[in-house]
Amino acid sequence: MTMPSWEEKHADNEAYRQRVTLPPEVAAAAKPVAEALRDGFADLRERALYGEAHVAKAVRAVAPPGTNVVIRAGGAHSAVVFAIELPGGCLTGFYDERESKVEVGGYINDGGCLPAPGH
């Protein structure tokens, strides 16, 4: 029996945060929400507004009614991590004073949109 390499062990350890494949129809339905959030973040950046309260307001403004929204401080500087749980997938990313990211993807292997804090 061959022992797995360090790289293989590391990949197995990180497997819980890998995203499942998103069906094309779910990705298409999420695209307008992602674009609206990118526009909202551009507006925040133009007005030099950062931090959890501003990001939460922008995210909740585009989240479809009844969807689960998670807003979490991201650690460094004013970084804020977010997730909108859409039917069949997730809209995730972050916003801080330097950059922002908005992605559409499937659930992680753990079953949610974001890894648990501390992972």
Protein backbone atom coordinates (compact mmCIF):
# COMPACT_ATOMS: atom_id res chain seq x y z
CA MET A 1 0.00 0.00 0.00
CA THR A 2 1.37 3.40 -0.98
CA MET A 3 1.12 6.26 1.49
CA PRO A 4 -0.64 9.34 0.14
CA SER A 5 1.55 12.35 -0.55
CA TRP A 6 1.37 15.54 1.50
CA GLU A 7 -0.46 17.18 -1.42
CA GLU A 8 -3.06 14.39 -1.50
CA LYS A 9 -3.58 14.63 2.27
CA HIS A 10 -3.92 18.41 2.06
CA ALA A 11 -6.45 18.14 -0.80
CA ASP A 12 -8.50 15.63 1.21
CA ASN A 13 -8.40 17.95 4.25
CA GLU A 14 -9.70 20.86 2.14
CA ALA A 15 -12.37 18.83 0.32
CA TYR A 16 -15.15 20.07 2.61
CA ARG A 17 -14.86 23.58 1.13
CA GLN A 18 -14.95 22.51 -2.53
CA ARG A 19 -18.09 23.64 -4.37
CA VAL A 20 -20.45 21.23 -6.08
CA THR A 21 -21.29 21.87 -9.71
CA LEU A 22 -24.01 24.45 -10.19
CA PRO A 23 -26.76 23.62 -12.69
CA PRO A 24 -26.75 26.12 -15.60
CA GLU A 25 -30.32 27.26 -14.93
CA VAL A 26 -29.44 28.14 -11.32
CA ALA A 27 -26.36 30.07 -12.49
CA ALA A 28 -28.48 31.96 -15.03
CA ALA A 29 -31.07 32.89 -12.39
CA ALA A 30 -28.34 34.13 -10.02
CA LYS A 31 -26.55 36.28 -12.62
CA PRO A 32 -28.82 39.37 -12.27
CA VAL A 33 -28.46 39.27 -8.47
CA ALA A 34 -24.67 39.10 -8.82
CA GLU A 35 -24.62 42.03 -11.25
CA ALA A 36 -26.85 44.12 -8.96
CA LEU A 37 -24.51 43.42 -6.03
CA ARG A 38 -21.43 44.34 -8.08
CA ASP A 39 -23.15 47.64 -8.92
CA GLY A 40 -23.97 48.14 -5.23
CA PHE A 41 -20.36 47.54 -4.25
CA ALA A 42 -19.16 49.97 -6.95
CA ASP A 43 -21.48 52.60 -5.42
CA LEU A 44 -20.11 51.90 -1.92
CA ARG A 45 -16.54 52.19 -3.19
CA GLU A 46 -17.31 55.44 -5.02
CA ARG A 47 -18.63 56.90 -1.77
CA ALA A 48 -15.73 55.38 0.26
CA LEU A 49 -18.09 53.35 2.44
CA TYR A 50 -16.62 50.23 4.05
CA GLY A 51 -17.42 47.88 6.89
CA GLU A 52 -19.99 45.34 7.88
CA ALA A 53 -23.03 47.64 8.14
CA HIS A 54 -22.61 49.01 4.61
CA VAL A 55 -21.93 45.59 3.08
CA ALA A 56 -24.91 44.05 4.90
CA LYS A 57 -27.19 46.76 3.57
CA ALA A 58 -25.95 46.28 -0.01
CA VAL A 59 -26.25 42.48 0.16
CA ARG A 60 -29.72 42.51 1.71
CA ALA A 61 -30.89 45.06 -0.89
CA VAL A 62 -30.32 42.55 -3.72
CA ALA A 63 -31.13 39.28 -1.91
CA PRO A 64 -34.43 37.80 -3.06
CA PRO A 65 -37.11 37.85 -0.32
CA GLY A 66 -36.94 34.86 1.99
CA THR A 67 -33.37 33.86 1.13
CA ASN A 68 -30.79 33.15 3.81
CA VAL A 69 -28.12 35.87 4.04
CA VAL A 70 -24.86 35.52 5.99
CA ILE A 71 -22.64 38.52 6.72
CA ARG A 72 -19.35 37.91 8.52
CA ALA A 73 -16.33 40.04 9.36
CA GLY A 74 -13.47 38.74 7.24
CA GLY A 75 -10.59 39.53 9.55
CA ALA A 76 -8.11 41.82 7.81
CA HIS A 77 -8.81 45.55 7.63
CA SER A 78 -12.48 46.15 6.87
CA ALA A 79 -13.04 42.90 4.97
CA VAL A 80 -16.56 41.51 5.08
CA VAL A 81 -17.50 38.06 3.74
CA PHE A 82 -21.05 37.39 2.60
CA ALA A 83 -23.30 34.68 1.21
CA ILE A 84 -26.80 34.70 -0.22
CA GLU A 85 -28.28 31.22 -0.31
CA LEU A 86 -30.27 31.05 -3.53
CA PRO A 87 -32.47 28.11 -4.58
CA GLY A 88 -29.91 25.47 -5.60
CA GLY A 89 -26.75 27.52 -5.08
CA CYS A 90 -24.94 30.46 -3.55
CA LEU A 91 -23.81 33.97 -4.24
CA THR A 92 -20.64 34.52 -2.21
CA GLY A 93 -17.68 36.84 -1.95
CA PHE A 94 -16.15 39.68 0.01
CA TYR A 95 -15.76 43.45 0.08
CA ASP A 96 -13.04 45.59 1.62
CA GLU A 97 -11.26 48.88 1.03
CA ARG A 98 -9.03 47.40 -1.69
CA GLU A 99 -11.27 45.10 -3.71
CA SER A 100 -14.43 43.06 -3.86
CA LYS A 101 -15.45 39.72 -5.27
CA VAL A 102 -18.90 38.36 -6.14
CA GLU A 103 -19.20 34.73 -7.30
CA VAL A 104 -22.04 32.40 -8.19
CA GLY A 105 -21.45 28.77 -7.26
CA GLY A 106 -22.84 25.60 -5.80
CA TYR A 107 -22.97 24.66 -2.15
CA ILE A 108 -19.70 23.56 -0.53
CA ASN A 109 -19.35 19.88 0.28
CA ASP A 110 -20.16 20.68 3.93
CA GLY A 111 -23.62 21.66 2.71
CA GLY A 112 -23.71 25.43 3.11
CA CYS A 113 -22.54 28.47 1.19
CA LEU A 114 -19.55 29.33 3.43
CA PRO A 115 -17.16 27.25 5.52
CA ALA A 116 -17.77 27.47 9.24
CA PRO A 117 -15.77 30.24 10.97
CA GLY A 118 -12.29 29.08 11.90
CA HIS A 119 -11.92 26.58 9.05
